[in-house]
């Protein structure tokens, strides 16, 4: 969790115990546990400063969205992959993997991402 004080400073903390209106936390870099009390929906420190408490599960996680160009292949490769899906052969995957060069790039399928190093 992160505790942010009115002046903008913040500190990482670990929740030790919590009830509906109180919590005890261990602040990073501090040897003593601190108490906070919730008064009218606002967390207040021991010295009566209002603080903002942000729990890790409340933080917005950034999502890595691939670019469209990372998801597009040539029409030839798409046609080849679709035909192999529609008419699977026992050794089709082995044949495809054997086409990969030592550098990990296919000479037969240049748009195919490297599968092996």
PDB file of N, CA and C in Angstrom:
ATOM      1  N   UNK A   1       0.836  -1.168   0.000  1.00  0.00           N
ATOM      2  CA  UNK A   1       0.000   0.000   0.000  1.00  0.00           C
ATOM      3  C   UNK A   1       0.880   1.231   0.000  1.00  0.00           C
ATOM      4  N   UNK A   2       0.299   2.342  -0.430  1.00  0.00           N
ATOM      5  CA  UNK A   2       1.001   3.615  -0.437  1.00  0.00           C
ATOM      6  C   UNK A   2       0.203   4.606   0.404  1.00  0.00           C
ATOM      7  N   UNK A   3       0.894   5.337   1.250  1.00  0.00           N
ATOM      8  CA  UNK A   3       0.255   6.366   2.063  1.00  0.00           C
ATOM      9  C   UNK A   3       0.801   7.715   1.604  1.00  0.00           C
ATOM     10  N   UNK A   4      -0.109   8.586   1.189  1.00  0.00           N
ATOM     11  CA  UNK A   4       0.277   9.907   0.680  1.00  0.00           C
ATOM     12  C   UNK A   4      -0.186  10.968   1.664  1.00  0.00           C
ATOM     13  N   UNK A   5       0.752  11.829   2.049  1.00  0.00           N
ATOM     14  CA  UNK A   5       0.482  12.897   3.017  1.00  0.00           C
ATOM     15  C   UNK A   5       0.051  14.173   2.291  1.00  0.00           C
ATOM     16  N   UNK A   6      -0.538  15.144   3.023  1.00  0.00           N
ATOM     17  CA  UNK A   6      -1.043  16.369   2.397  1.00  0.00           C
ATOM     18  C   UNK A   6       0.003  17.160   1.611  1.00  0.00           C
ATOM     19  N   UNK A   7       1.267  17.084   2.012  1.00  0.00           N
ATOM     20  CA  UNK A   7       2.307  17.838   1.302  1.00  0.00           C
ATOM     21  C   UNK A   7       2.794  17.119   0.039  1.00  0.00           C
ATOM     22  N   UNK A   8       2.197  15.963  -0.273  1.00  0.00           N
ATOM     23  CA  UNK A   8       2.553  15.232  -1.485  1.00  0.00           C
ATOM     24  C   UNK A   8       3.572  14.127  -1.277  1.00  0.00           C
ATOM     25  N   UNK A   9       4.211  14.090  -0.120  1.00  0.00           N
ATOM     26  CA  UNK A   9       5.153  12.996   0.134  1.00  0.00           C
ATOM     27  C   UNK A   9       4.370  11.704   0.318  1.00  0.00           C
ATOM     28  N   UNK A  10       5.003  10.621  -0.041  1.00  0.00           N
ATOM     29  CA  UNK A  10       4.357   9.321   0.094  1.00  0.00           C
ATOM     30  C   UNK A  10       5.357   8.294   0.585  1.00  0.00           C
ATOM     31  N   UNK A  11       4.830   7.225   1.146  1.00  0.00           N
ATOM     32  CA  UNK A  11       5.671   6.159   1.674  1.00  0.00           C
ATOM     33  C   UNK A  11       4.966   4.828   1.433  1.00  0.00           C
ATOM     34  N   UNK A  12       5.758   3.818   1.125  1.00  0.00           N
ATOM     35  CA  UNK A  12       5.229   2.467   0.980  1.00  0.00           C
ATOM     36  C   UNK A  12       4.980   1.914   2.379  1.00  0.00           C
ATOM     37  N   UNK A  13       3.943   1.122   2.528  1.00  0.00           N
ATOM     38  CA  UNK A  13       3.602   0.563   3.830  1.00  0.00           C
ATOM     39  C   UNK A  13       3.052  -0.843   3.661  1.00  0.00           C
ATOM     40  N   UNK A  14       3.084  -1.600   4.747  1.00  0.00           N
ATOM     41  CA  UNK A  14       2.520  -2.943   4.769  1.00  0.00           C
ATOM     42  C   UNK A  14       1.456  -2.990   5.850  1.00  0.00           C
ATOM     43  N   UNK A  15       0.296  -3.475   5.478  1.00  0.00           N
ATOM     44  CA  UNK A  15      -0.814  -3.562   6.408  1.00  0.00           C
ATOM     45  C   UNK A  15      -0.547  -4.671   7.426  1.00  0.00           C
ATOM     46  N   UNK A  16      -0.622  -4.323   8.703  1.00  0.00           N
ATOM     47  CA  UNK A  16      -0.425  -5.302   9.774  1.00  0.00           C
ATOM     48  C   UNK A  16      -1.766  -5.797  10.306  1.00  0.00           C
ATOM     49  N   UNK A  17      -2.710  -4.867  10.502  1.00  0.00           N
ATOM     50  CA  UNK A  17      -4.051  -5.243  10.959  1.00  0.00           C
ATOM     51  C   UNK A  17      -5.011  -4.132  10.561  1.00  0.00           C
ATOM     52  N   UNK A  18      -6.285  -4.527  10.442  1.00  0.00           N
ATOM     53  CA  UNK A  18      -7.278  -3.533  10.065  1.00  0.00           C
ATOM     54  C   UNK A  18      -8.644  -3.926  10.596  1.00  0.00           C
ATOM     55  N   UNK A  19      -9.370  -2.923  11.072  1.00  0.00           N
ATOM     56  CA  UNK A  19     -10.783  -3.085  11.416  1.00  0.00           C
ATOM     57  C   UNK A  19     -11.531  -2.094  10.527  1.00  0.00           C
ATOM     58  N   UNK A  20     -12.801  -1.893  10.785  1.00  0.00           N
ATOM     59  CA  UNK A  20     -13.586  -0.985   9.954  1.00  0.00           C
ATOM     60  C   UNK A  20     -13.051   0.449  10.003  1.00  0.00           C
ATOM     61  N   UNK A  21     -12.566   0.876  11.181  1.00  0.00           N
ATOM     62  CA  UNK A  21     -12.174   2.275  11.356  1.00  0.00           C
ATOM     63  C   UNK A  21     -10.707   2.501  11.698  1.00  0.00           C
ATOM     64  N   UNK A  22      -9.940   1.455  11.904  1.00  0.00           N
ATOM     65  CA  UNK A  22      -8.529   1.630  12.251  1.00  0.00           C
ATOM     66  C   UNK A  22      -7.665   0.644  11.479  1.00  0.00           C
ATOM     67  N   UNK A  23      -6.412   1.024  11.335  1.00  0.00           N
ATOM     68  CA  UNK A  23      -5.444   0.086  10.754  1.00  0.00           C
ATOM     69  C   UNK A  23      -4.071   0.406  11.315  1.00  0.00           C
ATOM     70  N   UNK A  24      -3.276  -0.657  11.433  1.00  0.00           N
ATOM     71  CA  UNK A  24      -1.875  -0.525  11.856  1.00  0.00           C
ATOM     72  C   UNK A  24      -1.030  -0.949  10.674  1.00  0.00           C
ATOM     73  N   UNK A  25      -0.021  -0.146  10.396  1.00  0.00           N
ATOM     74  CA  UNK A  25       0.832  -0.413   9.247  1.00  0.00           C
ATOM     75  C   UNK A  25       2.297  -0.277   9.638  1.00  0.00           C
ATOM     76  N   UNK A  26       3.121  -0.965   8.896  1.00  0.00           N
ATOM     77  CA  UNK A  26       4.566  -0.809   9.018  1.00  0.00           C
ATOM     78  C   UNK A  26       5.011   0.050   7.846  1.00  0.00           C
ATOM     79  N   UNK A  27       5.576   1.222   8.150  1.00  0.00           N
ATOM     80  CA  UNK A  27       6.038   2.128   7.106  1.00  0.00           C
ATOM     81  C   UNK A  27       7.458   1.772   6.696  1.00  0.00           C
ATOM     82  N   UNK A  28       7.728   1.859   5.424  1.00  0.00           N
ATOM     83  CA  UNK A  28       9.070   1.577   4.917  1.00  0.00           C
ATOM     84  C   UNK A  28      10.065   2.561   5.539  1.00  0.00           C
ATOM     85  N   UNK A  29      11.149   2.026   6.080  1.00  0.00           N
ATOM     86  CA  UNK A  29      12.185   2.858   6.682  1.00  0.00           C
ATOM     87  C   UNK A  29      11.888   3.313   8.101  1.00  0.00           C
ATOM     88  N   UNK A  30      10.809   2.821   8.695  1.00  0.00           N
ATOM     89  CA  UNK A  30      10.436   3.213  10.061  1.00  0.00           C
ATOM     90  C   UNK A  30      10.390   1.949  10.919  1.00  0.00           C
ATOM     91  N   UNK A  31      10.970   2.007  12.113  1.00  0.00           N
ATOM     92  CA  UNK A  31      11.018   0.827  12.982  1.00  0.00           C
ATOM     93  C   UNK A  31       9.715   0.585  13.739  1.00  0.00           C
ATOM     94  N   UNK A  32       8.900   1.631  13.922  1.00  0.00           N
ATOM     95  CA  UNK A  32       7.665   1.503  14.699  1.00  0.00           C
ATOM     96  C   UNK A  32       6.454   1.363  13.783  1.00  0.00           C
ATOM     97  N   UNK A  33       5.477   0.592  14.225  1.00  0.00           N
ATOM     98  CA  UNK A  33       4.200   0.495  13.515  1.00  0.00           C
ATOM     99  C   UNK A  33       3.418   1.776  13.766  1.00  0.00           C
ATOM    100  N   UNK A  34       2.655   2.174  12.768  1.00  0.00           N
ATOM    101  CA  UNK A  34       1.845   3.394  12.879  1.00  0.00           C
ATOM    102  C   UNK A  34       0.373   3.041  12.814  1.00  0.00           C
ATOM    103  N   UNK A  35      -0.447   3.853  13.476  1.00  0.00           N
ATOM    104  CA  UNK A  35      -1.902   3.658  13.467  1.00  0.00           C
ATOM    105  C   UNK A  35      -2.549   4.761  12.650  1.00  0.00           C
ATOM    106  N   UNK A  36      -3.590   4.388  11.941  1.00  0.00           N
ATOM    107  CA  UNK A  36      -4.397   5.342  11.189  1.00  0.00           C
ATOM    108  C   UNK A  36      -5.855   5.065  11.524  1.00  0.00           C
ATOM    109  N   UNK A  37      -6.641   6.127  11.576  1.00  0.00           N
ATOM    110  CA  UNK A  37      -8.051   5.993  11.912  1.00  0.00           C
ATOM    111  C   UNK A  37      -8.878   6.620  10.790  1.00  0.00           C
ATOM    112  N   UNK A  38      -9.972   5.984  10.469  1.00  0.00           N
ATOM    113  CA  UNK A  38     -10.867   6.497   9.443  1.00  0.00           C
ATOM    114  C   UNK A  38     -11.941   7.353  10.113  1.00  0.00           C
ATOM    115  N   UNK A  39     -11.940   8.650   9.780  1.00  0.00           N
ATOM    116  CA  UNK A  39     -12.894   9.589  10.354  1.00  0.00           C
ATOM    117  C   UNK A  39     -13.709  10.180   9.210  1.00  0.00           C
ATOM    118  N   UNK A  40     -15.005   9.883   9.195  1.00  0.00           N
ATOM    119  CA  UNK A  40     -15.895  10.384   8.142  1.00  0.00           C
ATOM    120  C   UNK A  40     -15.373  10.074   6.743  1.00  0.00           C
ATOM    121  N   UNK A  41     -14.823   8.872   6.561  1.00  0.00           N
ATOM    122  CA  UNK A  41     -14.355   8.440   5.246  1.00  0.00           C
ATOM    123  C   UNK A  41     -12.945   8.867   4.891  1.00  0.00           C
ATOM    124  N   UNK A  42     -12.261   9.560   5.785  1.00  0.00           N
ATOM    125  CA  UNK A  42     -10.889  10.021   5.537  1.00  0.00           C
ATOM    126  C   UNK A  42      -9.953   9.374   6.538  1.00  0.00           C
ATOM    127  N   UNK A  43      -8.857   8.802   6.017  1.00  0.00           N
ATOM    128  CA  UNK A  43      -7.855   8.231   6.911  1.00  0.00           C
ATOM    129  C   UNK A  43      -7.031   9.360   7.503  1.00  0.00           C
ATOM    130  N   UNK A  44      -6.792   9.261   8.821  1.00  0.00           N
ATOM    131  CA  UNK A  44      -6.070  10.293   9.561  1.00  0.00           C
ATOM    132  C   UNK A  44      -4.911   9.630  10.292  1.00  0.00           C
ATOM    133  N   UNK A  45      -3.740  10.273  10.224  1.00  0.00           N
ATOM    134  CA  UNK A  45      -2.547   9.730  10.892  1.00  0.00           C
ATOM    135  C   UNK A  45      -2.604   9.999  12.385  1.00  0.00           C
ATOM    136  N   UNK A  46      -1.612   9.482  13.112  1.00  0.00           N
ATOM    137  CA  UNK A  46      -1.545   9.674  14.570  1.00  0.00           C
ATOM    138  C   UNK A  46      -1.407  11.138  14.954  1.00  0.00           C
ATOM    139  N   UNK A  47      -0.796  11.937  14.062  1.00  0.00           N
ATOM    140  CA  UNK A  47      -0.663  13.371  14.356  1.00  0.00           C
ATOM    141  C   UNK A  47      -1.755  14.188  13.647  1.00  0.00           C
ATOM    142  N   UNK A  48      -2.888  13.530  13.349  1.00  0.00           N
ATOM    143  CA  UNK A  48      -4.113  14.151  12.842  1.00  0.00           C
ATOM    144  C   UNK A  48      -3.993  14.757  11.448  1.00  0.00           C
ATOM    145  N   UNK A  49      -3.086  14.231  10.640  1.00  0.00           N
ATOM    146  CA  UNK A  49      -2.985  14.658   9.247  1.00  0.00           C
ATOM    147  C   UNK A  49      -3.860  13.753   8.384  1.00  0.00           C
ATOM    148  N   UNK A  50      -4.675  14.313   7.512  1.00  0.00           N
ATOM    149  CA  UNK A  50      -5.428  13.450   6.597  1.00  0.00           C
ATOM    150  C   UNK A  50      -4.460  12.849   5.577  1.00  0.00           C
ATOM    151  N   UNK A  51      -4.619  11.581   5.310  1.00  0.00           N
ATOM    152  CA  UNK A  51      -3.755  10.898   4.348  1.00  0.00           C
ATOM    153  C   UNK A  51      -4.624  10.156   3.334  1.00  0.00           C
ATOM    154  N   UNK A  52      -4.027   9.883   2.203  1.00  0.00           N
ATOM    155  CA  UNK A  52      -4.691   9.070   1.186  1.00  0.00           C
ATOM    156  C   UNK A  52      -4.020   7.706   1.203  1.00  0.00           C
ATOM    157  N   UNK A  53      -4.822   6.677   1.404  1.00  0.00           N
ATOM    158  CA  UNK A  53      -4.313   5.307   1.436  1.00  0.00           C
ATOM    159  C   UNK A  53      -4.708   4.634   0.129  1.00  0.00           C
ATOM    160  N   UNK A  54      -3.700   4.149  -0.598  1.00  0.00           N
ATOM    161  CA  UNK A  54      -3.948   3.459  -1.862  1.00  0.00           C
ATOM    162  C   UNK A  54      -3.425   2.039  -1.731  1.00  0.00           C
ATOM    163  N   UNK A  55      -4.335   1.091  -1.815  1.00  0.00           N
ATOM    164  CA  UNK A  55      -3.952  -0.316  -1.750  1.00  0.00           C
ATOM    165  C   UNK A  55      -3.488  -0.770  -3.133  1.00  0.00           C
ATOM    166  N   UNK A  56      -2.631  -1.751  -3.171  1.00  0.00           N
ATOM    167  CA  UNK A  56      -2.075  -2.227  -4.441  1.00  0.00           C
ATOM    168  C   UNK A  56      -3.167  -2.654  -5.408  1.00  0.00           C
ATOM    169  N   UNK A  57      -4.226  -3.300  -4.913  1.00  0.00           N
ATOM    170  CA  UNK A  57      -5.271  -3.780  -5.820  1.00  0.00           C
ATOM    171  C   UNK A  57      -6.102  -2.631  -6.383  1.00  0.00           C
ATOM    172  N   UNK A  58      -5.943  -1.430  -5.838  1.00  0.00           N
ATOM    173  CA  UNK A  58      -6.659  -0.264  -6.356  1.00  0.00           C
ATOM    174  C   UNK A  58      -5.883   0.438  -7.466  1.00  0.00           C
ATOM    175  N   UNK A  59      -4.599   0.165  -7.560  1.00  0.00           N
ATOM    176  CA  UNK A  59      -3.779   0.819  -8.573  1.00  0.00           C
ATOM    177  C   UNK A  59      -4.138   0.275  -9.946  1.00  0.00           C
ATOM    178  N   UNK A  60      -4.138   1.155 -10.906  1.00  0.00           N
ATOM    179  CA  UNK A  60      -4.448   0.761 -12.269  1.00  0.00           C
ATOM    180  C   UNK A  60      -3.193   0.157 -12.886  1.00  0.00           C
ATOM    181  N   UNK A  61      -3.336  -1.047 -13.374  1.00  0.00           N
ATOM    182  CA  UNK A  61      -2.224  -1.718 -14.029  1.00  0.00           C
ATOM    183  C   UNK A  61      -2.202  -1.317 -15.496  1.00  0.00           C
ATOM    184  N   UNK A  62      -1.047  -0.983 -16.005  1.00  0.00           N
ATOM    185  CA  UNK A  62      -0.953  -0.653 -17.419  1.00  0.00           C
ATOM    186  C   UNK A  62      -1.020  -1.936 -18.235  1.00  0.00           C
ATOM    187  N   UNK A  63      -1.730  -1.859 -19.317  1.00  0.00           N
ATOM    188  CA  UNK A  63      -1.908  -3.013 -20.181  1.00  0.00           C
ATOM    189  C   UNK A  63      -1.089  -2.797 -21.434  1.00  0.00           C
ATOM    190  N   UNK A  64      -0.282  -3.755 -21.745  1.00  0.00           N
ATOM    191  CA  UNK A  64       0.530  -3.681 -22.948  1.00  0.00           C
ATOM    192  C   UNK A  64      -0.320  -4.154 -24.128  1.00  0.00           C
ATOM    193  N   UNK A  65      -0.651  -3.237 -25.008  1.00  0.00           N
ATOM    194  CA  UNK A  65      -1.449  -3.564 -26.178  1.00  0.00           C
ATOM    195  C   UNK A  65      -0.528  -3.618 -27.381  1.00  0.00           C
ATOM    196  N   UNK A  66      -0.516  -4.761 -28.083  1.00  0.00           N
ATOM    197  CA  UNK A  66       0.365  -4.857 -29.241  1.00  0.00           C
ATOM    198  C   UNK A  66      -0.110  -3.933 -30.356  1.00  0.00           C
ATOM    199  N   UNK A  67       0.829  -3.484 -31.159  1.00  0.00           N
ATOM    200  CA  UNK A  67       0.499  -2.665 -32.311  1.00  0.00           C
ATOM    201  C   UNK A  67      -0.151  -3.544 -33.378  1.00  0.00           C
ATOM    202  N   UNK A  68      -0.961  -2.943 -34.205  1.00  0.00           N
ATOM    203  CA  UNK A  68      -1.628  -3.687 -35.270  1.00  0.00           C
ATOM    204  C   UNK A  68      -0.589  -4.371 -36.156  1.00  0.00           C
ATOM    205  N   UNK A  69       0.522  -3.689 -36.412  1.00  0.00           N
ATOM    206  CA  UNK A  69       1.555  -4.261 -37.279  1.00  0.00           C
ATOM    207  C   UNK A  69       2.164  -5.534 -36.683  1.00  0.00           C
ATOM    208  N   UNK A  70       2.093  -5.693 -35.349  1.00  0.00           N
ATOM    209  CA  UNK A  70       2.597  -6.905 -34.711  1.00  0.00           C
ATOM    210  C   UNK A  70       1.653  -8.090 -34.911  1.00  0.00           C
ATOM    211  N   UNK A  71       0.430  -7.812 -35.317  1.00  0.00           N
ATOM    212  CA  UNK A  71      -0.588  -8.856 -35.435  1.00  0.00           C
ATOM    213  C   UNK A  71      -0.934  -9.182 -36.887  1.00  0.00           C
ATOM    214  N   UNK A  72      -0.274  -8.550 -37.829  1.00  0.00           N
ATOM    215  CA  UNK A  72      -0.604  -8.724 -39.243  1.00  0.00           C
ATOM    216  C   UNK A  72       0.526  -9.469 -39.934  1.00  0.00           C
ATOM    217  N   UNK A  73       0.140 -10.444 -40.739  1.00  0.00           N
ATOM    218  CA  UNK A  73       1.135 -11.162 -41.538  1.00  0.00           C
ATOM    219  C   UNK A  73       0.735 -11.053 -43.004  1.00  0.00           C
ATOM    220  N   UNK A  74       1.592 -11.554 -43.880  1.00  0.00           N
ATOM    221  CA  UNK A  74       1.299 -11.490 -45.312  1.00  0.00           C
ATOM    222  C   UNK A  74       0.120 -12.399 -45.652  1.00  0.00           C
ATOM    223  N   UNK A  75      -0.522 -12.121 -46.776  1.00  0.00           N
ATOM    224  CA  UNK A  75      -1.639 -12.952 -47.218  1.00  0.00           C
ATOM    225  C   UNK A  75      -1.170 -14.375 -47.504  1.00  0.00           C
ATOM    226  N   UNK A  76       0.057 -14.512 -48.011  1.00  0.00           N
ATOM    227  CA  UNK A  76       0.585 -15.843 -48.319  1.00  0.00           C
ATOM    228  C   UNK A  76       0.737 -16.680 -47.054  1.00  0.00           C
ATOM    229  N   UNK A  77       1.307 -16.076 -46.024  1.00  0.00           N
ATOM    230  CA  UNK A  77       1.482 -16.818 -44.768  1.00  0.00           C
ATOM    231  C   UNK A  77       0.131 -17.156 -44.154  1.00  0.00           C
ATOM    232  N   UNK A  78      -0.799 -16.195 -44.161  1.00  0.00           N
ATOM    233  CA  UNK A  78      -2.129 -16.454 -43.611  1.00  0.00           C
ATOM    234  C   UNK A  78      -2.810 -17.593 -44.361  1.00  0.00           C
ATOM    235  N   UNK A  79      -2.715 -17.580 -45.686  1.00  0.00           N
ATOM    236  CA  UNK A  79      -3.334 -18.638 -46.487  1.00  0.00           C
ATOM    237  C   UNK A  79      -2.706 -19.993 -46.170  1.00  0.00           C
ATOM    238  N   UNK A  80      -1.383 -20.023 -46.018  1.00  0.00           N
ATOM    239  CA  UNK A  80      -0.683 -21.278 -45.700  1.00  0.00           C
ATOM    240  C   UNK A  80      -1.103 -21.806 -44.334  1.00  0.00           C
ATOM    241  N   UNK A  81      -1.165 -20.925 -43.348  1.00  0.00           N
ATOM    242  CA  UNK A  81      -1.556 -21.355 -42.000  1.00  0.00           C
ATOM    243  C   UNK A  81      -3.004 -21.841 -41.968  1.00  0.00           C
ATOM    244  N   UNK A  82      -3.883 -21.132 -42.661  1.00  0.00           N
ATOM    245  CA  UNK A  82      -5.291 -21.551 -42.701  1.00  0.00           C
ATOM    246  C   UNK A  82      -5.433 -22.892 -43.402  1.00  0.00           C
ATOM    247  N   UNK A  83      -4.704 -23.082 -44.501  1.00  0.00           N
ATOM    248  CA  UNK A  83      -4.805 -24.363 -45.207  1.00  0.00           C
ATOM    249  C   UNK A  83      -4.295 -25.512 -44.340  1.00  0.00           C
ATOM    250  N   UNK A  84      -3.278 -25.249 -43.547  1.00  0.00           N
ATOM    251  CA  UNK A  84      -2.764 -26.299 -42.656  1.00  0.00           C
ATOM    252  C   UNK A  84      -3.739 -26.591 -41.514  1.00  0.00           C
ATOM    253  N   UNK A  85      -4.481 -25.563 -41.087  1.00  0.00           N
ATOM    254  CA  UNK A  85      -5.498 -25.797 -40.065  1.00  0.00           C
ATOM    255  C   UNK A  85      -6.658 -26.619 -40.616  1.00  0.00           C
ATOM    256  N   UNK A  86      -7.033 -26.334 -41.864  1.00  0.00           N
ATOM    257  CA  UNK A  86      -8.161 -27.037 -42.473  1.00  0.00           C
ATOM    258  C   UNK A  86      -7.805 -28.454 -42.909  1.00  0.00           C
ATOM    259  N   UNK A  87      -6.530 -28.685 -43.248  1.00  0.00           N
ATOM    260  CA  UNK A  87      -6.090 -30.001 -43.704  1.00  0.00           C
ATOM    261  C   UNK A  87      -4.823 -30.378 -42.942  1.00  0.00           C
ATOM    262  N   UNK A  88      -4.982 -30.700 -41.657  1.00  0.00           N
ATOM    263  CA  UNK A  88      -3.779 -30.981 -40.846  1.00  0.00           C
ATOM    264  C   UNK A  88      -3.084 -32.268 -41.279  1.00  0.00           C
ATOM    265  N   UNK A  89      -1.786 -32.188 -41.288  1.00  0.00           N
ATOM    266  CA  UNK A  89      -0.962 -33.361 -41.564  1.00  0.00           C
ATOM    267  C   UNK A  89      -0.174 -33.652 -40.294  1.00  0.00           C
ATOM    268  N   UNK A  90       0.175 -34.898 -40.080  1.00  0.00           N
ATOM    269  CA  UNK A  90       0.887 -35.285 -38.862  1.00  0.00           C
ATOM    270  C   UNK A  90       2.227 -34.578 -38.744  1.00  0.00           C
ATOM    271  N   UNK A  91       2.901 -34.376 -39.872  1.00  0.00           N
ATOM    272  CA  UNK A  91       4.237 -33.782 -39.802  1.00  0.00           C
ATOM    273  C   UNK A  91       4.251 -32.308 -40.215  1.00  0.00           C
ATOM    274  N   UNK A  92       3.103 -31.668 -40.288  1.00  0.00           N
ATOM    275  CA  UNK A  92       3.058 -30.271 -40.736  1.00  0.00           C
ATOM    276  C   UNK A  92       3.841 -29.354 -39.812  1.00  0.00           C
ATOM    277  N   UNK A  93       3.689 -29.522 -38.503  1.00  0.00           N
ATOM    278  CA  UNK A  93       4.411 -28.675 -37.565  1.00  0.00           C
ATOM    279  C   UNK A  93       5.908 -28.913 -37.662  1.00  0.00           C
ATOM    280  N   UNK A  94       6.306 -30.182 -37.750  1.00  0.00           N
ATOM    281  CA  UNK A  94       7.732 -30.481 -37.878  1.00  0.00           C
ATOM    282  C   UNK A  94       8.300 -29.878 -39.160  1.00  0.00           C
ATOM    283  N   UNK A  95       7.540 -29.949 -40.244  1.00  0.00           N
ATOM    284  CA  UNK A  95       7.983 -29.388 -41.518  1.00  0.00           C
ATOM    285  C   UNK A  95       8.150 -27.878 -41.405  1.00  0.00           C
ATOM    286  N   UNK A  96       7.203 -27.244 -40.727  1.00  0.00           N
ATOM    287  CA  UNK A  96       7.272 -25.800 -40.548  1.00  0.00           C
ATOM    288  C   UNK A  96       8.472 -25.410 -39.705  1.00  0.00           C
ATOM    289  N   UNK A  97       8.700 -26.151 -38.617  1.00  0.00           N
ATOM    290  CA  UNK A  97       9.833 -25.850 -37.754  1.00  0.00           C
ATOM    291  C   UNK A  97      11.164 -26.125 -38.440  1.00  0.00           C
ATOM    292  N   UNK A  98      11.204 -27.143 -39.271  1.00  0.00           N
ATOM    293  CA  UNK A  98      12.453 -27.439 -39.969  1.00  0.00           C
ATOM    294  C   UNK A  98      12.791 -26.374 -40.988  1.00  0.00           C
ATOM    295  N   UNK A  99      11.791 -25.601 -41.420  1.00  0.00           N
ATOM    296  CA  UNK A  99      12.039 -24.524 -42.377  1.00  0.00           C
ATOM    297  C   UNK A  99      12.715 -23.325 -41.715  1.00  0.00           C
ATOM    298  N   UNK A 100      12.701 -23.301 -40.387  1.00  0.00           N
ATOM    299  CA  UNK A 100      13.349 -22.192 -39.691  1.00  0.00           C
ATOM    300  C   UNK A 100      14.859 -22.320 -39.807  1.00  0.00           C
ATOM    301  N   UNK A 101      15.500 -21.215 -40.048  1.00  0.00           N
ATOM    302  CA  UNK A 101      16.957 -21.236 -40.156  1.00  0.00           C
ATOM    303  C   UNK A 101      17.584 -21.201 -38.762  1.00  0.00           C
ATOM    304  N   UNK A 102      18.883 -21.324 -38.679  1.00  0.00           N
ATOM    305  CA  UNK A 102      19.589 -21.301 -37.396  1.00  0.00           C
ATOM    306  C   UNK A 102      19.421 -19.948 -36.704  1.00  0.00           C
ATOM    307  N   UNK A 103      19.194 -18.891 -37.472  1.00  0.00           N
ATOM    308  CA  UNK A 103      19.017 -17.563 -36.884  1.00  0.00           C
ATOM    309  C   UNK A 103      17.618 -17.382 -36.316  1.00  0.00           C
ATOM    310  N   UNK A 104      16.765 -18.380 -36.513  1.00  0.00           N
ATOM    311  CA  UNK A 104      15.429 -18.297 -35.961  1.00  0.00           C
ATOM    312  C   UNK A 104      14.412 -17.689 -36.899  1.00  0.00           C
ATOM    313  N   UNK A 105      14.805 -17.387 -38.122  1.00  0.00           N
ATOM    314  CA  UNK A 105      13.876 -16.793 -39.083  1.00  0.00           C
ATOM    315  C   UNK A 105      13.689 -17.768 -40.232  1.00  0.00           C
ATOM    316  N   UNK A 106      12.489 -17.906 -40.664  1.00  0.00           N
ATOM    317  CA  UNK A 106      12.171 -18.830 -41.728  1.00  0.00           C
ATOM    318  C   UNK A 106      12.503 -18.208 -43.076  1.00  0.00           C
ATOM    319  N   UNK A 107      13.175 -18.958 -43.926  1.00  0.00           N
ATOM    320  CA  UNK A 107      13.406 -18.479 -45.278  1.00  0.00           C
ATOM    321  C   UNK A 107      12.166 -18.722 -46.125  1.00  0.00           C
ATOM    322  N   UNK A 108      11.441 -19.796 -45.837  1.00  0.00           N
ATOM    323  CA  UNK A 108      10.221 -20.113 -46.570  1.00  0.00           C
ATOM    324  C   UNK A 108       9.056 -19.245 -46.108  1.00  0.00           C
ATOM    325  N   UNK A 109       9.047 -18.884 -44.772  1.00  0.00           N
ATOM    326  CA  UNK A 109       7.980 -18.082 -44.186  1.00  0.00           C
ATOM    327  C   UNK A 109       8.592 -16.855 -43.511  1.00  0.00           C
ATOM    328  N   UNK A 110       8.949 -15.817 -44.286  1.00  0.00           N
ATOM    329  CA  UNK A 110       9.645 -14.670 -43.692  1.00  0.00           C
ATOM    330  C   UNK A 110       8.824 -13.873 -42.687  1.00  0.00           C
ATOM    331  N   UNK A 111       7.495 -13.966 -42.750  1.00  0.00           N
ATOM    332  CA  UNK A 111       6.654 -13.215 -41.818  1.00  0.00           C
ATOM    333  C   UNK A 111       6.399 -13.975 -40.524  1.00  0.00           C
ATOM    334  N   UNK A 112       6.838 -15.226 -40.457  1.00  0.00           N
ATOM    335  CA  UNK A 112       6.627 -16.048 -39.276  1.00  0.00           C
ATOM    336  C   UNK A 112       7.578 -15.617 -38.180  1.00  0.00           C
ATOM    337  N   UNK A 113       7.084 -15.288 -36.973  1.00  0.00           N
ATOM    338  CA  UNK A 113       7.989 -14.880 -35.895  1.00  0.00           C
ATOM    339  C   UNK A 113       8.970 -15.995 -35.547  1.00  0.00           C
ATOM    340  N   UNK A 114      10.113 -15.610 -35.049  1.00  0.00           N
ATOM    341  CA  UNK A 114      11.117 -16.581 -34.653  1.00  0.00           C
ATOM    342  C   UNK A 114      10.593 -17.427 -33.514  1.00  0.00           C
ATOM    343  N   UNK A 115      10.642 -18.751 -33.651  1.00  0.00           N
ATOM    344  CA  UNK A 115      10.163 -19.657 -32.612  1.00  0.00           C
ATOM    345  C   UNK A 115      11.311 -20.283 -31.851  1.00  0.00           C
ATOM    346  N   UNK A 116      12.467 -20.345 -32.460  1.00  0.00           N
ATOM    347  CA  UNK A 116      13.621 -20.949 -31.806  1.00  0.00           C
ATOM    348  C   UNK A 116      14.805 -20.029 -31.979  1.00  0.00           C
ATOM    349  N   UNK A 117      15.745 -20.137 -31.085  1.00  0.00           N
ATOM    350  CA  UNK A 117      16.956 -19.323 -31.176  1.00  0.00           C
ATOM    351  C   UNK A 117      18.078 -20.123 -31.770  1.00  0.00           C
TER     352      UNK A 117
END
